[in-house]
Amino acid sequence: MIKRSTLPRASIGLSLCCVFGLAIAGSGSQPAIPLAGQTQSNTAERSRPGPQQPKPQTKQDKTQIGVLTVRLPIVVKEKNKFVPGLKENNFRVFEDGKPQRIEAFQAPSQLPIDVAILMDTSESVKLKLPFEKDAAEDFVSSIATYKRKDLVLFATFDSNVELHQDFTDSEEPLVRAIKKVKAGGYTRMYDAVYRVIEEKMANIQGTDARRVIVILSDGADTASDHSLKDAMEMAERFDVTIFGISTKNFTGITSGTVESPDDRELRRLCEETGGQLFLPSEKAELFRAFTQVANDLRAEYVLFYTPDNQEHTRKRRAISVKLVDSKGHLFHKQGYTY
């Protein structure tokens, strides 16, 4: 159970034409109290256009409630460096193996970002916690001072999931919240992802912000009620990109990193939602991992397409993208359910 008063739970059903037009609202600093039964909090206001309204339902088409438009952020890297200068004609998008027509293209993305930082504070991270807190503060500083009004939320997970600071564009309350956390307990990572999306990222409609979660953890989930599959499906449903920073091999000194089975689960959670996993082994690499996440979010390409298949089947659709006349590894979400 997440601690702190929460927003009323949103209906999972779709009522707008743009499935991925949902976004988050933010609030100022408040004390941590139980999440269950929370009331609406004050939001950090941003002037953002709302999603297109759906077309009227007709008798001939009772399943189509509107026009589905997919927003597809893509990061392209070659030898771990961004590939700049790509155009719309460098990309080919396929849904369930069928080519789709790209209708809009942004390079780089100009969309604002709503970021939830989820920090593992279980007993196993106690010795690493000071370094993690320093790196998180540095990340908050880089996001909160950016001109496009990005919002940041800070929560922790151990035996409980606790919200310390709701979405805000102010650096001070975030840093203050990060400094106060202590380590102890088990690891409820999947619950943290699921609940933050469900109770914070799925409630407010009418903005076009990118929704991102950054997980900082050192090991396997040991206590969640929800599974990896549950967390992935929730992220796909609400178009949330997840980045992971695993400190499992972190020693504070230079050493090799070996990807464990636990890291592979976190990698799957990240890469299938369009994000990446970083495996720092020392303090400097930990800071660079957070810097890399911030850079990725500002250098991505964003494609928009309207699927040929507009039938609302509630089945998962697979997305694939091919690069044309260029080389690079593509990072993007692998599918969604509609």
C-alpha atoms as a PDB file:
ATOM      1  CA  MET A   1       0.000   0.000   0.000  1.00  0.00           C
ATOM      2  CA  ILE A   2       1.407   3.363  -0.987  1.00  0.00           C
ATOM      3  CA  LYS A   3       1.617   5.852   1.827  1.00  0.00           C
ATOM      4  CA  ARG A   4       0.198   9.321   1.258  1.00  0.00           C
ATOM      5  CA  SER A   5      -3.113  10.723   0.129  1.00  0.00           C
ATOM      6  CA  THR A   6      -3.739   9.874  -3.516  1.00  0.00           C
ATOM      7  CA  LEU A   7      -5.802  11.123  -6.407  1.00  0.00           C
ATOM      8  CA  PRO A   8      -9.140   9.361  -7.006  1.00  0.00           C
ATOM      9  CA  ARG A   9      -8.547   6.272  -9.113  1.00  0.00           C
ATOM     10  CA  ALA A  10      -9.140   6.754 -12.831  1.00  0.00           C
ATOM     11  CA  SER A  11     -11.284   4.525 -14.976  1.00  0.00           C
ATOM     12  CA  ILE A  12      -9.168   2.280 -17.163  1.00  0.00           C
ATOM     13  CA  GLY A  13     -11.744   2.480 -19.983  1.00  0.00           C
ATOM     14  CA  LEU A  14     -10.981   4.725 -22.975  1.00  0.00           C
ATOM     15  CA  SER A  15     -13.159   7.707 -23.716  1.00  0.00           C
ATOM     16  CA  LEU A  16     -10.863   9.824 -25.879  1.00  0.00           C
ATOM     17  CA  CYS A  17      -9.662   9.259 -29.413  1.00  0.00           C
ATOM     18  CA  CYS A  18      -5.968   9.512 -28.602  1.00  0.00           C
ATOM     19  CA  VAL A  19      -5.183   6.529 -26.400  1.00  0.00           C
ATOM     20  CA  PHE A  20      -1.785   7.924 -25.521  1.00  0.00           C
ATOM     21  CA  GLY A  21      -2.893  11.478 -24.853  1.00  0.00           C
ATOM     22  CA  LEU A  22      -3.343  10.872 -21.104  1.00  0.00           C
ATOM     23  CA  ALA A  23      -0.968  12.737 -18.795  1.00  0.00           C
ATOM     24  CA  ILE A  24      -0.221  13.717 -15.239  1.00  0.00           C
ATOM     25  CA  ALA A  25      -0.888  16.641 -12.966  1.00  0.00           C
ATOM     26  CA  GLY A  26       1.413  17.757 -10.181  1.00  0.00           C
ATOM     27  CA  SER A  27       1.134  19.221  -6.729  1.00  0.00           C
ATOM     28  CA  GLY A  28       3.282  21.036  -4.264  1.00  0.00           C
ATOM     29  CA  SER A  29       5.075  19.493  -1.310  1.00  0.00           C
ATOM     30  CA  GLN A  30       2.845  17.734   1.224  1.00  0.00           C
ATOM     31  CA  PRO A  31       3.542  15.414   4.165  1.00  0.00           C
ATOM     32  CA  ALA A  32       3.546  11.687   3.465  1.00  0.00           C
ATOM     33  CA  ILE A  33       0.199  10.149   4.514  1.00  0.00           C
ATOM     34  CA  PRO A  34      -1.610   6.945   3.454  1.00  0.00           C
ATOM     35  CA  LEU A  35      -2.467   6.819  -0.239  1.00  0.00           C
ATOM     36  CA  ALA A  36      -5.745   4.946   0.093  1.00  0.00           C
ATOM     37  CA  GLY A  37      -8.776   7.206  -0.148  1.00  0.00           C
ATOM     38  CA  GLN A  38      -6.818  10.292  -1.126  1.00  0.00           C
ATOM     39  CA  THR A  39      -8.442  13.440  -2.362  1.00  0.00           C
ATOM     40  CA  GLN A  40      -7.638  15.605  -5.363  1.00  0.00           C
ATOM     41  CA  SER A  41      -4.415  17.581  -4.821  1.00  0.00           C
ATOM     42  CA  ASN A  42      -3.512  20.981  -6.196  1.00  0.00           C
ATOM     43  CA  THR A  43      -1.768  20.699  -9.552  1.00  0.00           C
ATOM     44  CA  ALA A  44       1.171  22.496 -11.081  1.00  0.00           C
ATOM     45  CA  GLU A  45      -0.527  24.270 -13.955  1.00  0.00           C
ATOM     46  CA  ARG A  46       0.823  23.994 -17.474  1.00  0.00           C
ATOM     47  CA  SER A  47      -0.707  25.315 -20.626  1.00  0.00           C
ATOM     48  CA  ARG A  48      -0.922  22.263 -22.856  1.00  0.00           C
ATOM     49  CA  PRO A  49      -3.335  21.444 -25.654  1.00  0.00           C
ATOM     50  CA  GLY A  50      -5.837  18.687 -24.917  1.00  0.00           C
ATOM     51  CA  PRO A  51      -6.352  15.621 -27.120  1.00  0.00           C
ATOM     52  CA  GLN A  52      -8.613  15.639 -30.149  1.00  0.00           C
ATOM     53  CA  GLN A  53     -12.236  14.796 -29.333  1.00  0.00           C
ATOM     54  CA  PRO A  54     -13.595  11.476 -30.647  1.00  0.00           C
ATOM     55  CA  LYS A  55     -15.841  11.224 -33.659  1.00  0.00           C
ATOM     56  CA  PRO A  56     -19.521  10.472 -32.895  1.00  0.00           C
ATOM     57  CA  GLN A  57     -20.299   6.753 -32.651  1.00  0.00           C
ATOM     58  CA  THR A  58     -22.475   5.422 -35.450  1.00  0.00           C
ATOM     59  CA  LYS A  59     -24.893   2.520 -35.645  1.00  0.00           C
ATOM     60  CA  GLN A  60     -22.736   0.929 -38.340  1.00  0.00           C
ATOM     61  CA  ASP A  61     -19.632   0.921 -36.143  1.00  0.00           C
ATOM     62  CA  LYS A  62     -20.446   0.197 -32.523  1.00  0.00           C
ATOM     63  CA  THR A  63     -16.901  -0.736 -31.481  1.00  0.00           C
ATOM     64  CA  GLN A  64     -15.058   2.357 -32.722  1.00  0.00           C
ATOM     65  CA  ILE A  65     -15.415   5.142 -30.151  1.00  0.00           C
ATOM     66  CA  GLY A  66     -13.001   7.512 -31.844  1.00  0.00           C
ATOM     67  CA  VAL A  67      -9.898   7.775 -33.958  1.00  0.00           C
ATOM     68  CA  LEU A  68      -6.917   6.082 -32.363  1.00  0.00           C
ATOM     69  CA  THR A  69      -3.633   7.948 -32.811  1.00  0.00           C
ATOM     70  CA  VAL A  70      -0.356   6.460 -31.591  1.00  0.00           C
ATOM     71  CA  ARG A  71       2.509   8.599 -30.317  1.00  0.00           C
ATOM     72  CA  LEU A  72       5.822   6.761 -30.692  1.00  0.00           C
ATOM     73  CA  PRO A  73       8.971   8.257 -29.096  1.00  0.00           C
ATOM     74  CA  ILE A  74      12.192   6.749 -30.499  1.00  0.00           C
ATOM     75  CA  VAL A  75      15.815   7.083 -29.410  1.00  0.00           C
ATOM     76  CA  VAL A  76      18.449   6.113 -32.006  1.00  0.00           C
ATOM     77  CA  LYS A  77      22.006   5.298 -30.894  1.00  0.00           C
ATOM     78  CA  GLU A  78      25.154   4.072 -32.618  1.00  0.00           C
ATOM     79  CA  LYS A  79      27.998   2.944 -30.331  1.00  0.00           C
ATOM     80  CA  ASN A  80      26.085   4.435 -27.400  1.00  0.00           C
ATOM     81  CA  LYS A  81      25.942   7.870 -29.044  1.00  0.00           C
ATOM     82  CA  PHE A  82      22.875   9.594 -30.417  1.00  0.00           C
ATOM     83  CA  VAL A  83      22.319   9.552 -34.157  1.00  0.00           C
ATOM     84  CA  PRO A  84      21.299  13.138 -35.008  1.00  0.00           C
ATOM     85  CA  GLY A  85      19.737  14.632 -38.102  1.00  0.00           C
ATOM     86  CA  LEU A  86      17.267  11.862 -38.954  1.00  0.00           C
ATOM     87  CA  LYS A  87      14.121  12.757 -40.897  1.00  0.00           C
ATOM     88  CA  GLU A  88      10.672  11.241 -41.192  1.00  0.00           C
ATOM     89  CA  ASN A  89      11.682   9.268 -44.281  1.00  0.00           C
ATOM     90  CA  ASN A  90      14.401   7.489 -42.268  1.00  0.00           C
ATOM     91  CA  PHE A  91      11.750   5.554 -40.354  1.00  0.00           C
ATOM     92  CA  ARG A  92       9.336   2.776 -41.322  1.00  0.00           C
ATOM     93  CA  VAL A  93       6.661   1.857 -38.758  1.00  0.00           C
ATOM     94  CA  PHE A  94       4.835  -1.474 -38.647  1.00  0.00           C
ATOM     95  CA  GLU A  95       1.932  -2.563 -36.466  1.00  0.00           C
ATOM     96  CA  ASP A  96       1.309  -6.319 -36.279  1.00  0.00           C
ATOM     97  CA  GLY A  97       3.621  -6.591 -39.302  1.00  0.00           C
ATOM     98  CA  LYS A  98       1.616  -4.151 -41.453  1.00  0.00           C
ATOM     99  CA  PRO A  99       3.190  -0.839 -42.602  1.00  0.00           C
ATOM    100  CA  GLN A 100       1.662   2.344 -41.185  1.00  0.00           C
ATOM    101  CA  ARG A 101       1.716   5.888 -42.541  1.00  0.00           C
ATOM    102  CA  ILE A 102       3.574   8.434 -40.398  1.00  0.00           C
ATOM    103  CA  GLU A 103       1.373  11.502 -40.053  1.00  0.00           C
ATOM    104  CA  ALA A 104       3.556  13.769 -37.925  1.00  0.00           C
ATOM    105  CA  PHE A 105       7.207  13.913 -36.906  1.00  0.00           C
ATOM    106  CA  GLN A 106       9.179  15.838 -34.276  1.00  0.00           C
ATOM    107  CA  ALA A 107      12.965  16.031 -34.123  1.00  0.00           C
ATOM    108  CA  PRO A 108      13.916  16.479 -31.406  1.00  0.00           C
ATOM    109  CA  SER A 109      10.798  16.083 -29.290  1.00  0.00           C
ATOM    110  CA  GLN A 110       9.371  19.338 -27.959  1.00  0.00           C
ATOM    111  CA  LEU A 111       6.922  17.577 -25.623  1.00  0.00           C
ATOM    112  CA  PRO A 112       7.096  18.369 -21.902  1.00  0.00           C
ATOM    113  CA  ILE A 113       7.957  15.467 -19.604  1.00  0.00           C
ATOM    114  CA  ASP A 114       6.425  14.186 -16.380  1.00  0.00           C
ATOM    115  CA  VAL A 115       9.011  12.050 -14.563  1.00  0.00           C
ATOM    116  CA  ALA A 116       8.442   9.781 -11.557  1.00  0.00           C
ATOM    117  CA  ILE A 117      11.649   8.846  -9.737  1.00  0.00           C
ATOM    118  CA  LEU A 118      11.183   5.544  -7.861  1.00  0.00           C
ATOM    119  CA  MET A 119      14.044   4.839  -5.464  1.00  0.00           C
ATOM    120  CA  ASP A 120      14.643   1.450  -3.859  1.00  0.00           C
ATOM    121  CA  THR A 121      15.069   2.001  -0.098  1.00  0.00           C
ATOM    122  CA  SER A 122      15.060  -1.642   1.000  1.00  0.00           C
ATOM    123  CA  GLU A 123      17.603  -2.931   3.496  1.00  0.00           C
ATOM    124  CA  SER A 124      20.034  -4.090   0.793  1.00  0.00           C
ATOM    125  CA  VAL A 125      20.706  -0.550  -0.477  1.00  0.00           C
ATOM    126  CA  LYS A 126      21.661   0.952   2.883  1.00  0.00           C
ATOM    127  CA  LEU A 127      25.368   1.329   2.069  1.00  0.00           C
ATOM    128  CA  LYS A 128      24.661   2.657  -1.429  1.00  0.00           C
ATOM    129  CA  LEU A 129      21.905   5.054  -0.426  1.00  0.00           C
ATOM    130  CA  PRO A 130      24.099   8.175   0.055  1.00  0.00           C
ATOM    131  CA  PHE A 131      25.451   7.856  -3.514  1.00  0.00           C
ATOM    132  CA  GLU A 132      21.971   7.181  -4.910  1.00  0.00           C
ATOM    133  CA  LYS A 133      20.544  10.238  -3.180  1.00  0.00           C
ATOM    134  CA  ASP A 134      23.345  12.476  -4.502  1.00  0.00           C
ATOM    135  CA  ALA A 135      22.793  11.243  -8.062  1.00  0.00           C
ATOM    136  CA  ALA A 136      19.009  11.641  -7.790  1.00  0.00           C
ATOM    137  CA  GLU A 137      19.423  15.228  -6.573  1.00  0.00           C
ATOM    138  CA  ASP A 138      21.669  15.980  -9.540  1.00  0.00           C
ATOM    139  CA  PHE A 139      19.064  14.497 -11.911  1.00  0.00           C
ATOM    140  CA  VAL A 140      16.273  16.545 -10.336  1.00  0.00           C
ATOM    141  CA  SER A 141      18.341  19.692 -10.781  1.00  0.00           C
ATOM    142  CA  SER A 142      18.802  19.015 -14.499  1.00  0.00           C
ATOM    143  CA  ILE A 143      15.094  18.290 -15.062  1.00  0.00           C
ATOM    144  CA  ALA A 144      13.524  20.922 -12.805  1.00  0.00           C
ATOM    145  CA  THR A 145      15.504  23.800 -14.302  1.00  0.00           C
ATOM    146  CA  TYR A 146      14.653  22.992 -17.924  1.00  0.00           C
ATOM    147  CA  LYS A 147      12.546  25.660 -19.648  1.00  0.00           C
ATOM    148  CA  ARG A 148       9.742  23.485 -20.985  1.00  0.00           C
ATOM    149  CA  LYS A 149       8.138  23.000 -17.553  1.00  0.00           C
ATOM    150  CA  ASP A 150       8.859  19.347 -16.922  1.00  0.00           C
ATOM    151  CA  LEU A 151       7.361  17.971 -13.696  1.00  0.00           C
ATOM    152  CA  VAL A 152       8.989  15.505 -11.293  1.00  0.00           C
ATOM    153  CA  LEU A 153       7.567  13.164  -8.642  1.00  0.00           C
ATOM    154  CA  PHE A 154       9.634  11.344  -6.011  1.00  0.00           C
ATOM    155  CA  ALA A 155       8.599   8.046  -4.384  1.00  0.00           C
ATOM    156  CA  THR A 156      10.376   5.187  -2.636  1.00  0.00           C
ATOM    157  CA  PHE A 157       9.707   1.482  -2.324  1.00  0.00           C
ATOM    158  CA  ASP A 158      10.720  -1.044   0.309  1.00  0.00           C
ATOM    159  CA  SER A 159       8.127  -2.991   2.328  1.00  0.00           C
ATOM    160  CA  ASN A 160       5.775  -0.134   1.373  1.00  0.00           C
ATOM    161  CA  VAL A 161       5.456   2.249  -1.546  1.00  0.00           C
ATOM    162  CA  GLU A 162       5.672   5.810  -0.290  1.00  0.00           C
ATOM    163  CA  LEU A 163       5.080   9.075  -2.112  1.00  0.00           C
ATOM    164  CA  HIS A 164       7.346  11.782  -0.658  1.00  0.00           C
ATOM    165  CA  GLN A 165       6.767  14.547  -3.205  1.00  0.00           C
ATOM    166  CA  ASP A 166       3.993  14.821  -5.778  1.00  0.00           C
ATOM    167  CA  PHE A 167       4.555  16.232  -9.270  1.00  0.00           C
ATOM    168  CA  THR A 168       6.164  19.661  -9.119  1.00  0.00           C
ATOM    169  CA  ASP A 169       8.420  21.881 -11.213  1.00  0.00           C
ATOM    170  CA  SER A 170      10.184  23.146  -8.081  1.00  0.00           C
ATOM    171  CA  GLU A 171      13.604  21.716  -7.277  1.00  0.00           C
ATOM    172  CA  GLU A 172      13.680  22.556  -3.573  1.00  0.00           C
ATOM    173  CA  PRO A 173      10.892  20.259  -2.251  1.00  0.00           C
ATOM    174  CA  LEU A 174      12.211  17.372  -4.332  1.00  0.00           C
ATOM    175  CA  VAL A 175      15.751  17.683  -2.991  1.00  0.00           C
ATOM    176  CA  ARG A 176      14.406  18.040   0.540  1.00  0.00           C
ATOM    177  CA  ALA A 177      12.353  14.848   0.117  1.00  0.00           C
ATOM    178  CA  ILE A 178      15.297  12.900  -1.314  1.00  0.00           C
ATOM    179  CA  LYS A 179      17.573  13.892   1.573  1.00  0.00           C
ATOM    180  CA  LYS A 180      15.157  12.538   4.189  1.00  0.00           C
ATOM    181  CA  VAL A 181      14.740   8.932   2.995  1.00  0.00           C
ATOM    182  CA  LYS A 182      16.190   5.994   4.937  1.00  0.00           C
ATOM    183  CA  ALA A 183      16.692   2.331   4.023  1.00  0.00           C
ATOM    184  CA  GLY A 184      14.976  -0.743   5.478  1.00  0.00           C
ATOM    185  CA  GLY A 185      12.553  -3.532   4.606  1.00  0.00           C
ATOM    186  CA  TYR A 186      11.820  -5.652   1.542  1.00  0.00           C
ATOM    187  CA  THR A 187      11.498  -4.708  -2.166  1.00  0.00           C
ATOM    188  CA  ARG A 188       8.129  -3.948  -3.783  1.00  0.00           C
ATOM    189  CA  MET A 189       9.330  -2.623  -7.139  1.00  0.00           C
ATOM    190  CA  TYR A 190       6.487  -3.917  -9.339  1.00  0.00           C
ATOM    191  CA  ASP A 191       3.911  -2.594  -6.889  1.00  0.00           C
ATOM    192  CA  ALA A 192       5.615   0.810  -7.020  1.00  0.00           C
ATOM    193  CA  VAL A 193       5.467   0.952 -10.812  1.00  0.00           C
ATOM    194  CA  TYR A 194       1.886  -0.258 -10.933  1.00  0.00           C
ATOM    195  CA  ARG A 195       0.542   2.019  -8.209  1.00  0.00           C
ATOM    196  CA  VAL A 196       2.323   5.205  -9.318  1.00  0.00           C
ATOM    197  CA  ILE A 197       0.954   4.762 -12.840  1.00  0.00           C
ATOM    198  CA  GLU A 198      -2.513   3.821 -11.632  1.00  0.00           C
ATOM    199  CA  GLU A 199      -2.884   6.525  -8.998  1.00  0.00           C
ATOM    200  CA  LYS A 200      -0.726   9.341 -10.367  1.00  0.00           C
ATOM    201  CA  MET A 201      -0.146   8.998 -14.100  1.00  0.00           C
ATOM    202  CA  ALA A 202      -3.529   7.728 -15.273  1.00  0.00           C
ATOM    203  CA  ASN A 203      -5.816  10.262 -13.640  1.00  0.00           C
ATOM    204  CA  ILE A 204      -5.427  13.548 -15.446  1.00  0.00           C
ATOM    205  CA  GLN A 205      -6.437  13.862 -19.105  1.00  0.00           C
ATOM    206  CA  GLY A 206      -6.115  16.698 -21.575  1.00  0.00           C
ATOM    207  CA  THR A 207      -2.341  17.286 -21.796  1.00  0.00           C
ATOM    208  CA  ASP A 208       0.353  15.987 -24.123  1.00  0.00           C
ATOM    209  CA  ALA A 209       3.211  15.400 -21.665  1.00  0.00           C
ATOM    210  CA  ARG A 210       5.494  12.378 -22.033  1.00  0.00           C
ATOM    211  CA  ARG A 211       5.208  10.079 -19.014  1.00  0.00           C
ATOM    212  CA  VAL A 212       8.434   8.554 -17.721  1.00  0.00           C
ATOM    213  CA  ILE A 213       9.470   6.454 -14.735  1.00  0.00           C
ATOM    214  CA  VAL A 214      13.091   6.203 -13.589  1.00  0.00           C
ATOM    215  CA  ILE A 215      13.727   3.221 -11.280  1.00  0.00           C
ATOM    216  CA  LEU A 216      16.817   3.133  -9.092  1.00  0.00           C
ATOM    217  CA  SER A 217      17.214  -0.328  -7.539  1.00  0.00           C
ATOM    218  CA  ASP A 218      19.847  -2.887  -6.615  1.00  0.00           C
ATOM    219  CA  GLY A 219      18.014  -6.192  -6.800  1.00  0.00           C
ATOM    220  CA  ALA A 220      15.020  -8.391  -7.395  1.00  0.00           C
ATOM    221  CA  ASP A 221      11.453  -7.679  -6.405  1.00  0.00           C
ATOM    222  CA  THR A 222      10.846  -9.685  -3.234  1.00  0.00           C
ATOM    223  CA  ALA A 223       7.452  -8.606  -1.895  1.00  0.00           C
ATOM    224  CA  SER A 224       5.116  -7.210  -4.576  1.00  0.00           C
ATOM    225  CA  ASP A 225       1.508  -8.272  -4.973  1.00  0.00           C
ATOM    226  CA  HIS A 226       1.771  -7.374  -8.667  1.00  0.00           C
ATOM    227  CA  SER A 227       3.955  -9.241 -11.159  1.00  0.00           C
ATOM    228  CA  LEU A 228       6.405  -8.064 -13.806  1.00  0.00           C
ATOM    229  CA  LYS A 229       3.678  -8.729 -16.383  1.00  0.00           C
ATOM    230  CA  ASP A 230       1.208  -6.569 -14.434  1.00  0.00           C
ATOM    231  CA  ALA A 231       3.691  -3.682 -14.298  1.00  0.00           C
ATOM    232  CA  MET A 232       4.478  -3.952 -18.018  1.00  0.00           C
ATOM    233  CA  GLU A 233       0.816  -4.029 -19.011  1.00  0.00           C
ATOM    234  CA  MET A 234       0.043  -1.000 -16.864  1.00  0.00           C
ATOM    235  CA  ALA A 235       2.952   0.931 -18.407  1.00  0.00           C
ATOM    236  CA  GLU A 236       1.850   0.028 -21.947  1.00  0.00           C
ATOM    237  CA  ARG A 237      -1.762   0.923 -21.254  1.00  0.00           C
ATOM    238  CA  PHE A 238      -0.891   4.443 -20.164  1.00  0.00           C
ATOM    239  CA  ASP A 239       2.075   4.998 -22.484  1.00  0.00           C
ATOM    240  CA  VAL A 240       4.723   5.184 -19.761  1.00  0.00           C
ATOM    241  CA  THR A 241       8.404   4.791 -20.671  1.00  0.00           C
ATOM    242  CA  ILE A 242      10.565   3.183 -17.980  1.00  0.00           C
ATOM    243  CA  PHE A 243      14.295   3.656 -17.453  1.00  0.00           C
ATOM    244  CA  GLY A 244      16.165   1.489 -14.973  1.00  0.00           C
ATOM    245  CA  ILE A 245      19.422   2.143 -13.128  1.00  0.00           C
ATOM    246  CA  SER A 246      20.554  -1.082 -11.462  1.00  0.00           C
ATOM    247  CA  THR A 247      23.112  -0.733  -8.672  1.00  0.00           C
ATOM    248  CA  LYS A 248      23.333  -4.484  -8.050  1.00  0.00           C
ATOM    249  CA  ASN A 249      27.024  -4.481  -9.005  1.00  0.00           C
ATOM    250  CA  PHE A 250      27.740  -1.066  -7.526  1.00  0.00           C
ATOM    251  CA  THR A 251      30.800  -1.123  -5.259  1.00  0.00           C
ATOM    252  CA  GLY A 252      31.992   2.467  -5.333  1.00  0.00           C
ATOM    253  CA  ILE A 253      35.189   1.355  -7.092  1.00  0.00           C
ATOM    254  CA  THR A 254      35.866   0.286 -10.657  1.00  0.00           C
ATOM    255  CA  SER A 255      34.710  -3.278 -11.284  1.00  0.00           C
ATOM    256  CA  GLY A 256      33.089  -5.347 -13.976  1.00  0.00           C
ATOM    257  CA  THR A 257      29.308  -5.537 -14.214  1.00  0.00           C
ATOM    258  CA  VAL A 258      27.620  -8.867 -14.773  1.00  0.00           C
ATOM    259  CA  GLU A 259      23.971  -8.769 -15.704  1.00  0.00           C
ATOM    260  CA  SER A 260      22.077 -11.032 -13.301  1.00  0.00           C
ATOM    261  CA  PRO A 261      18.646 -12.639 -13.849  1.00  0.00           C
ATOM    262  CA  ASP A 262      17.212  -9.807 -11.743  1.00  0.00           C
ATOM    263  CA  ASP A 263      18.760  -7.222 -14.046  1.00  0.00           C
ATOM    264  CA  ARG A 264      17.312  -9.013 -17.074  1.00  0.00           C
ATOM    265  CA  GLU A 265      13.800  -8.657 -15.659  1.00  0.00           C
ATOM    266  CA  LEU A 266      14.381  -4.946 -15.118  1.00  0.00           C
ATOM    267  CA  ARG A 267      15.841  -4.693 -18.629  1.00  0.00           C
ATOM    268  CA  ARG A 268      12.694  -6.292 -20.057  1.00  0.00           C
ATOM    269  CA  LEU A 269      10.484  -3.852 -18.149  1.00  0.00           C
ATOM    270  CA  CYS A 270      12.511  -0.956 -19.537  1.00  0.00           C
ATOM    271  CA  GLU A 271      13.105  -1.959 -23.145  1.00  0.00           C
ATOM    272  CA  GLU A 272       9.562  -3.160 -23.872  1.00  0.00           C
ATOM    273  CA  THR A 273       8.256   0.243 -22.788  1.00  0.00           C
ATOM    274  CA  GLY A 274      10.841   2.124 -24.870  1.00  0.00           C
ATOM    275  CA  GLY A 275      13.407   2.848 -22.169  1.00  0.00           C
ATOM    276  CA  GLN A 276      16.852   1.476 -21.307  1.00  0.00           C
ATOM    277  CA  LEU A 277      18.686  -0.199 -18.431  1.00  0.00           C
ATOM    278  CA  PHE A 278      21.973   1.149 -17.068  1.00  0.00           C
ATOM    279  CA  LEU A 279      24.400  -0.905 -14.937  1.00  0.00           C
ATOM    280  CA  PRO A 280      26.786   1.475 -13.152  1.00  0.00           C
ATOM    281  CA  SER A 281      29.512  -0.046 -11.000  1.00  0.00           C
ATOM    282  CA  GLU A 282      30.928   3.092  -9.401  1.00  0.00           C
ATOM    283  CA  LYS A 283      29.812   6.526  -8.261  1.00  0.00           C
ATOM    284  CA  ALA A 284      30.851   8.385 -11.413  1.00  0.00           C
ATOM    285  CA  GLU A 285      28.968   5.897 -13.598  1.00  0.00           C
ATOM    286  CA  LEU A 286      25.881   6.295 -11.420  1.00  0.00           C
ATOM    287  CA  PHE A 287      25.853  10.032 -12.083  1.00  0.00           C
ATOM    288  CA  ARG A 288      26.445   9.424 -15.808  1.00  0.00           C
ATOM    289  CA  ALA A 289      23.491   7.019 -15.923  1.00  0.00           C
ATOM    290  CA  PHE A 290      21.112   9.704 -14.651  1.00  0.00           C
ATOM    291  CA  THR A 291      22.650  12.210 -17.073  1.00  0.00           C
ATOM    292  CA  GLN A 292      22.128   9.744 -19.925  1.00  0.00           C
ATOM    293  CA  VAL A 293      18.438   9.381 -19.049  1.00  0.00           C
ATOM    294  CA  ALA A 294      17.999  13.158 -19.050  1.00  0.00           C
ATOM    295  CA  ASN A 295      19.774  13.403 -22.414  1.00  0.00           C
ATOM    296  CA  ASP A 296      17.706  10.595 -23.930  1.00  0.00           C
ATOM    297  CA  LEU A 297      14.471  12.338 -23.027  1.00  0.00           C
ATOM    298  CA  ARG A 298      15.565  15.498 -24.855  1.00  0.00           C
ATOM    299  CA  ALA A 299      17.105  13.923 -27.942  1.00  0.00           C
ATOM    300  CA  GLU A 300      14.357  11.497 -28.906  1.00  0.00           C
ATOM    301  CA  TYR A 301      12.437  11.524 -32.164  1.00  0.00           C
ATOM    302  CA  VAL A 302       8.648  11.320 -31.935  1.00  0.00           C
ATOM    303  CA  LEU A 303       6.458   9.805 -34.650  1.00  0.00           C
ATOM    304  CA  PHE A 304       2.666   9.935 -34.802  1.00  0.00           C
ATOM    305  CA  TYR A 305       0.556   7.509 -36.815  1.00  0.00           C
ATOM    306  CA  THR A 306      -3.095   6.502 -37.079  1.00  0.00           C
ATOM    307  CA  PRO A 307      -3.331   2.691 -37.284  1.00  0.00           C
ATOM    308  CA  ASP A 308      -5.174   1.255 -40.259  1.00  0.00           C
ATOM    309  CA  ASN A 309      -6.905  -1.069 -37.806  1.00  0.00           C
ATOM    310  CA  GLN A 310      -9.244   1.094 -35.734  1.00  0.00           C
ATOM    311  CA  GLU A 311     -11.226  -1.788 -34.232  1.00  0.00           C
ATOM    312  CA  HIS A 312     -11.330  -1.762 -30.438  1.00  0.00           C
ATOM    313  CA  THR A 313     -10.486  -5.413 -29.725  1.00  0.00           C
ATOM    314  CA  ARG A 314      -8.627  -5.080 -26.380  1.00  0.00           C
ATOM    315  CA  LYS A 315      -5.856  -7.216 -27.871  1.00  0.00           C
ATOM    316  CA  ARG A 316      -2.170  -6.352 -27.784  1.00  0.00           C
ATOM    317  CA  ARG A 317      -0.681  -4.860 -30.954  1.00  0.00           C
ATOM    318  CA  ALA A 318       3.024  -5.285 -31.693  1.00  0.00           C
ATOM    319  CA  ILE A 319       5.049  -2.292 -32.913  1.00  0.00           C
ATOM    320  CA  SER A 320       8.259  -2.549 -34.925  1.00  0.00           C
ATOM    321  CA  VAL A 321      10.338   0.190 -36.522  1.00  0.00           C
ATOM    322  CA  LYS A 322      13.000  -0.062 -39.225  1.00  0.00           C
ATOM    323  CA  LEU A 323      15.702   2.492 -39.934  1.00  0.00           C
ATOM    324  CA  VAL A 324      16.233   3.476 -43.574  1.00  0.00           C
ATOM    325  CA  ASP A 325      19.485   4.882 -45.019  1.00  0.00           C
ATOM    326  CA  SER A 326      21.059   5.104 -41.573  1.00  0.00           C
ATOM    327  CA  LYS A 327      22.560   2.870 -38.900  1.00  0.00           C
ATOM    328  CA  GLY A 328      21.695   2.696 -35.222  1.00  0.00           C
ATOM    329  CA  HIS A 329      19.942   0.786 -32.469  1.00  0.00           C
ATOM    330  CA  LEU A 330      16.334   1.827 -31.907  1.00  0.00           C
ATOM    331  CA  PHE A 331      14.731   2.194 -28.485  1.00  0.00           C
ATOM    332  CA  HIS A 332      10.926   2.412 -28.542  1.00  0.00           C
ATOM    333  CA  LYS A 333       7.908   0.773 -26.966  1.00  0.00           C
ATOM    334  CA  GLN A 334       7.197  -2.685 -28.345  1.00  0.00           C
ATOM    335  CA  GLY A 335       3.409  -2.570 -28.385  1.00  0.00           C
ATOM    336  CA  TYR A 336       0.145  -1.539 -26.712  1.00  0.00           C
ATOM    337  CA  THR A 337      -3.351  -2.836 -26.055  1.00  0.00           C
ATOM    338  CA  TYR A 338      -6.465  -1.259 -27.531  1.00  0.00           C
END
